[in-house]
Amino acid sequence: MSEASDHNHRVNASQEEKLQQLIESLSAYIEQYHGGWVRFVRLEADKLVVELGGACDGCRLSTATLQGWIGGSVRQFFPEIHTIEAI
């Protein structure tokens, strides 16, 4: 199977690249339905650092979005990541 199939990601992408792609997908959903966004900042061993913005900035539910929606999705695909933090 070649890398030039009909999906939009590299088959042999690094863990960090795959994580960035997941964050971009989550951000697209958050932007579309909630007016906010999430951006990948960095990965430090077992800690993911992201930035929340748009409607998420100052929203009282941003902690729930970060730990529930984003954290839950990340841990489903990357169980080695134990901490999700927003700057």
N, C-alpha and C. Protein backbone atom coordinates (compact mmCIF):
# COMPACT_ATOMS: atom_id res chain seq x y z
N MET A 1 0.85 -1.18 0.00
CA MET A 1 0.00 0.00 0.00
C MET A 1 0.89 1.24 0.00
N SER A 2 0.59 2.19 -0.82
CA SER A 2 1.42 3.38 -0.92
C SER A 2 0.91 4.48 -0.02
N GLU A 3 1.77 5.49 0.21
CA GLU A 3 1.37 6.65 1.00
C GLU A 3 0.38 7.53 0.26
N ALA A 4 0.26 7.37 -1.03
CA ALA A 4 -0.59 8.24 -1.85
C ALA A 4 -2.02 7.69 -1.96
N SER A 5 -2.53 7.15 -0.87
CA SER A 5 -3.92 6.68 -0.89
C SER A 5 -4.87 7.85 -0.64
N ASP A 6 -6.13 7.58 -0.44
CA ASP A 6 -7.12 8.65 -0.38
C ASP A 6 -7.29 9.29 1.00
N HIS A 7 -6.44 9.02 1.94
CA HIS A 7 -6.51 9.72 3.23
C HIS A 7 -5.56 10.91 3.22
N ASN A 8 -5.72 11.78 4.21
CA ASN A 8 -4.96 13.02 4.20
C ASN A 8 -3.85 13.07 5.24
N HIS A 9 -3.32 11.92 5.64
CA HIS A 9 -2.20 11.91 6.57
C HIS A 9 -1.16 10.89 6.12
N ARG A 10 0.06 11.13 6.60
CA ARG A 10 1.15 10.22 6.24
C ARG A 10 1.03 8.93 7.02
N VAL A 11 1.20 7.82 6.37
CA VAL A 11 1.12 6.51 7.01
C VAL A 11 2.25 6.34 8.01
N ASN A 12 3.42 6.84 7.70
CA ASN A 12 4.58 6.66 8.56
C ASN A 12 4.87 7.91 9.40
N ALA A 13 3.86 8.67 9.73
CA ALA A 13 4.04 9.89 10.53
C ALA A 13 4.53 9.53 11.93
N SER A 14 5.28 10.44 12.53
CA SER A 14 5.76 10.25 13.89
C SER A 14 4.60 10.37 14.87
N GLN A 15 4.82 9.95 16.10
CA GLN A 15 3.79 10.05 17.13
C GLN A 15 3.36 11.51 17.31
N GLU A 16 4.31 12.43 17.33
CA GLU A 16 3.97 13.83 17.50
C GLU A 16 3.15 14.36 16.32
N GLU A 17 3.48 13.94 15.11
CA GLU A 17 2.71 14.36 13.93
C GLU A 17 1.28 13.82 13.99
N LYS A 18 1.14 12.57 14.42
CA LYS A 18 -0.19 11.98 14.55
C LYS A 18 -1.00 12.70 15.62
N LEU A 19 -0.35 13.06 16.71
CA LEU A 19 -1.00 13.80 17.78
C LEU A 19 -1.44 15.18 17.29
N GLN A 20 -0.60 15.84 16.53
CA GLN A 20 -0.96 17.14 15.96
C GLN A 20 -2.17 17.00 15.03
N GLN A 21 -2.22 15.94 14.25
CA GLN A 21 -3.36 15.71 13.35
C GLN A 21 -4.65 15.49 14.14
N LEU A 22 -4.55 14.76 15.25
CA LEU A 22 -5.72 14.54 16.09
C LEU A 22 -6.20 15.88 16.67
N ILE A 23 -5.28 16.70 17.16
CA ILE A 23 -5.64 18.00 17.72
C ILE A 23 -6.29 18.88 16.64
N GLU A 24 -5.77 18.85 15.43
CA GLU A 24 -6.37 19.61 14.32
C GLU A 24 -7.80 19.15 14.04
N SER A 25 -8.04 17.85 14.09
CA SER A 25 -9.39 17.32 13.88
C SER A 25 -10.34 17.75 14.99
N LEU A 26 -9.87 17.69 16.23
CA LEU A 26 -10.68 18.15 17.36
C LEU A 26 -10.97 19.64 17.24
N SER A 27 -9.96 20.40 16.83
CA SER A 27 -10.14 21.84 16.67
C SER A 27 -11.18 22.16 15.61
N ALA A 28 -11.15 21.42 14.51
CA ALA A 28 -12.13 21.65 13.44
C ALA A 28 -13.55 21.46 13.96
N TYR A 29 -13.75 20.43 14.78
CA TYR A 29 -15.07 20.19 15.36
C TYR A 29 -15.45 21.33 16.30
N ILE A 30 -14.53 21.69 17.19
CA ILE A 30 -14.80 22.76 18.16
C ILE A 30 -15.09 24.06 17.45
N GLU A 31 -14.34 24.37 16.40
CA GLU A 31 -14.57 25.60 15.63
C GLU A 31 -15.94 25.58 14.97
N GLN A 32 -16.29 24.46 14.34
CA GLN A 32 -17.54 24.34 13.61
C GLN A 32 -18.76 24.47 14.51
N TYR A 33 -18.73 23.81 15.66
CA TYR A 33 -19.93 23.70 16.48
C TYR A 33 -19.94 24.59 17.72
N HIS A 34 -18.78 25.11 18.11
CA HIS A 34 -18.74 25.88 19.35
C HIS A 34 -18.06 27.24 19.22
N GLY A 35 -17.41 27.51 18.10
CA GLY A 35 -16.77 28.80 17.88
C GLY A 35 -15.42 28.96 18.56
N GLY A 36 -14.90 27.90 19.13
CA GLY A 36 -13.58 27.94 19.76
C GLY A 36 -12.58 27.16 18.95
N TRP A 37 -11.39 27.02 19.50
CA TRP A 37 -10.37 26.21 18.82
C TRP A 37 -9.34 25.72 19.83
N VAL A 38 -8.59 24.70 19.43
CA VAL A 38 -7.48 24.17 20.22
C VAL A 38 -6.29 24.02 19.29
N ARG A 39 -5.11 24.38 19.78
CA ARG A 39 -3.88 24.27 18.99
C ARG A 39 -2.83 23.48 19.77
N PHE A 40 -2.13 22.62 19.06
CA PHE A 40 -1.00 21.89 19.62
C PHE A 40 0.12 22.88 19.91
N VAL A 41 0.70 22.81 21.12
CA VAL A 41 1.84 23.66 21.47
C VAL A 41 3.10 22.81 21.54
N ARG A 42 3.07 21.78 22.39
CA ARG A 42 4.24 20.90 22.49
C ARG A 42 3.88 19.61 23.23
N LEU A 43 4.73 18.63 23.06
CA LEU A 43 4.63 17.36 23.75
C LEU A 43 5.89 17.21 24.58
N GLU A 44 5.73 17.03 25.89
CA GLU A 44 6.86 16.87 26.81
C GLU A 44 6.71 15.53 27.50
N ALA A 45 7.38 14.51 27.01
CA ALA A 45 7.30 13.15 27.55
C ALA A 45 5.84 12.70 27.59
N ASP A 46 5.22 12.64 28.80
CA ASP A 46 3.82 12.18 28.90
C ASP A 46 2.85 13.34 29.12
N LYS A 47 3.27 14.57 28.79
CA LYS A 47 2.42 15.75 28.96
C LYS A 47 2.21 16.46 27.63
N LEU A 48 0.94 16.69 27.29
CA LEU A 48 0.57 17.44 26.11
C LEU A 48 0.18 18.85 26.53
N VAL A 49 0.75 19.84 25.86
CA VAL A 49 0.42 21.23 26.12
C VAL A 49 -0.28 21.78 24.89
N VAL A 50 -1.46 22.38 25.11
CA VAL A 50 -2.26 22.96 24.04
C VAL A 50 -2.64 24.38 24.41
N GLU A 51 -3.18 25.08 23.43
CA GLU A 51 -3.72 26.41 23.65
C GLU A 51 -5.18 26.40 23.21
N LEU A 52 -6.06 26.96 24.04
CA LEU A 52 -7.47 27.10 23.70
C LEU A 52 -7.75 28.55 23.36
N GLY A 53 -8.60 28.78 22.37
CA GLY A 53 -8.92 30.15 22.00
C GLY A 53 -10.30 30.27 21.41
N GLY A 54 -10.58 31.42 20.84
CA GLY A 54 -11.91 31.68 20.29
C GLY A 54 -12.92 31.69 21.42
N ALA A 55 -14.05 31.05 21.23
CA ALA A 55 -15.10 31.01 22.24
C ALA A 55 -14.66 30.27 23.50
N CYS A 56 -13.60 29.47 23.42
CA CYS A 56 -13.10 28.76 24.60
C CYS A 56 -12.40 29.71 25.58
N ASP A 57 -11.88 30.82 25.08
CA ASP A 57 -11.17 31.78 25.91
C ASP A 57 -12.15 32.42 26.89
N GLY A 58 -11.99 32.12 28.16
CA GLY A 58 -12.86 32.67 29.19
C GLY A 58 -14.14 31.89 29.42
N CYS A 59 -14.39 30.85 28.63
CA CYS A 59 -15.61 30.05 28.81
C CYS A 59 -15.51 29.22 30.09
N ARG A 60 -16.57 29.20 30.85
CA ARG A 60 -16.55 28.45 32.11
C ARG A 60 -16.49 26.94 31.90
N LEU A 61 -16.76 26.48 30.68
CA LEU A 61 -16.70 25.06 30.37
C LEU A 61 -15.39 24.64 29.71
N SER A 62 -14.44 25.56 29.59
CA SER A 62 -13.19 25.23 28.90
C SER A 62 -12.40 24.14 29.61
N THR A 63 -12.46 24.08 30.95
CA THR A 63 -11.78 23.00 31.68
C THR A 63 -12.40 21.65 31.34
N ALA A 64 -13.73 21.61 31.26
CA ALA A 64 -14.41 20.37 30.88
C ALA A 64 -14.07 19.99 29.44
N THR A 65 -13.99 20.98 28.56
CA THR A 65 -13.59 20.72 27.17
C THR A 65 -12.18 20.16 27.13
N LEU A 66 -11.28 20.78 27.88
CA LEU A 66 -9.88 20.36 27.89
C LEU A 66 -9.72 18.95 28.44
N GLN A 67 -10.25 18.70 29.61
CA GLN A 67 -10.03 17.40 30.26
C GLN A 67 -10.97 16.32 29.74
N GLY A 68 -12.19 16.69 29.41
CA GLY A 68 -13.16 15.70 28.95
C GLY A 68 -13.04 15.39 27.48
N TRP A 69 -13.33 16.37 26.66
CA TRP A 69 -13.37 16.15 25.21
C TRP A 69 -11.97 15.95 24.64
N ILE A 70 -11.08 16.90 24.86
CA ILE A 70 -9.74 16.83 24.27
C ILE A 70 -8.93 15.73 24.95
N GLY A 71 -8.87 15.76 26.30
CA GLY A 71 -8.10 14.77 27.04
C GLY A 71 -8.58 13.36 26.80
N GLY A 72 -9.90 13.16 26.80
CA GLY A 72 -10.44 11.83 26.57
C GLY A 72 -10.11 11.30 25.18
N SER A 73 -10.21 12.17 24.19
CA SER A 73 -9.88 11.76 22.82
C SER A 73 -8.40 11.44 22.68
N VAL A 74 -7.55 12.29 23.26
CA VAL A 74 -6.11 12.06 23.17
C VAL A 74 -5.74 10.76 23.85
N ARG A 75 -6.25 10.52 25.06
CA ARG A 75 -5.90 9.30 25.80
C ARG A 75 -6.42 8.03 25.13
N GLN A 76 -7.50 8.16 24.37
CA GLN A 76 -8.02 7.00 23.65
C GLN A 76 -7.00 6.50 22.62
N PHE A 77 -6.32 7.43 21.95
CA PHE A 77 -5.37 7.06 20.91
C PHE A 77 -3.91 7.08 21.38
N PHE A 78 -3.64 7.81 22.46
CA PHE A 78 -2.29 7.94 23.00
C PHE A 78 -2.34 7.72 24.51
N PRO A 79 -2.54 6.48 24.96
CA PRO A 79 -2.70 6.21 26.39
C PRO A 79 -1.46 6.53 27.22
N GLU A 80 -0.32 6.70 26.57
CA GLU A 80 0.90 7.05 27.30
C GLU A 80 0.94 8.51 27.72
N ILE A 81 0.01 9.33 27.23
CA ILE A 81 -0.06 10.74 27.62
C ILE A 81 -0.96 10.82 28.86
N HIS A 82 -0.39 11.27 29.96
CA HIS A 82 -1.10 11.29 31.24
C HIS A 82 -1.62 12.67 31.63
N THR A 83 -1.01 13.71 31.10
CA THR A 83 -1.38 15.06 31.50
C THR A 83 -1.69 15.89 30.26
N ILE A 84 -2.82 16.60 30.32
CA ILE A 84 -3.20 17.54 29.25
C ILE A 84 -3.29 18.89 29.93
N GLU A 85 -2.55 19.85 29.40
CA GLU A 85 -2.47 21.18 30.03
C GLU A 85 -2.67 22.26 28.98
N ALA A 86 -3.39 23.31 29.36
CA ALA A 86 -3.57 24.46 28.46
C ALA A 86 -2.75 25.63 28.97
N ILE A 87 -2.20 26.40 28.02
CA ILE A 87 -1.45 27.60 28.40
C ILE A 87 -2.35 28.82 28.23
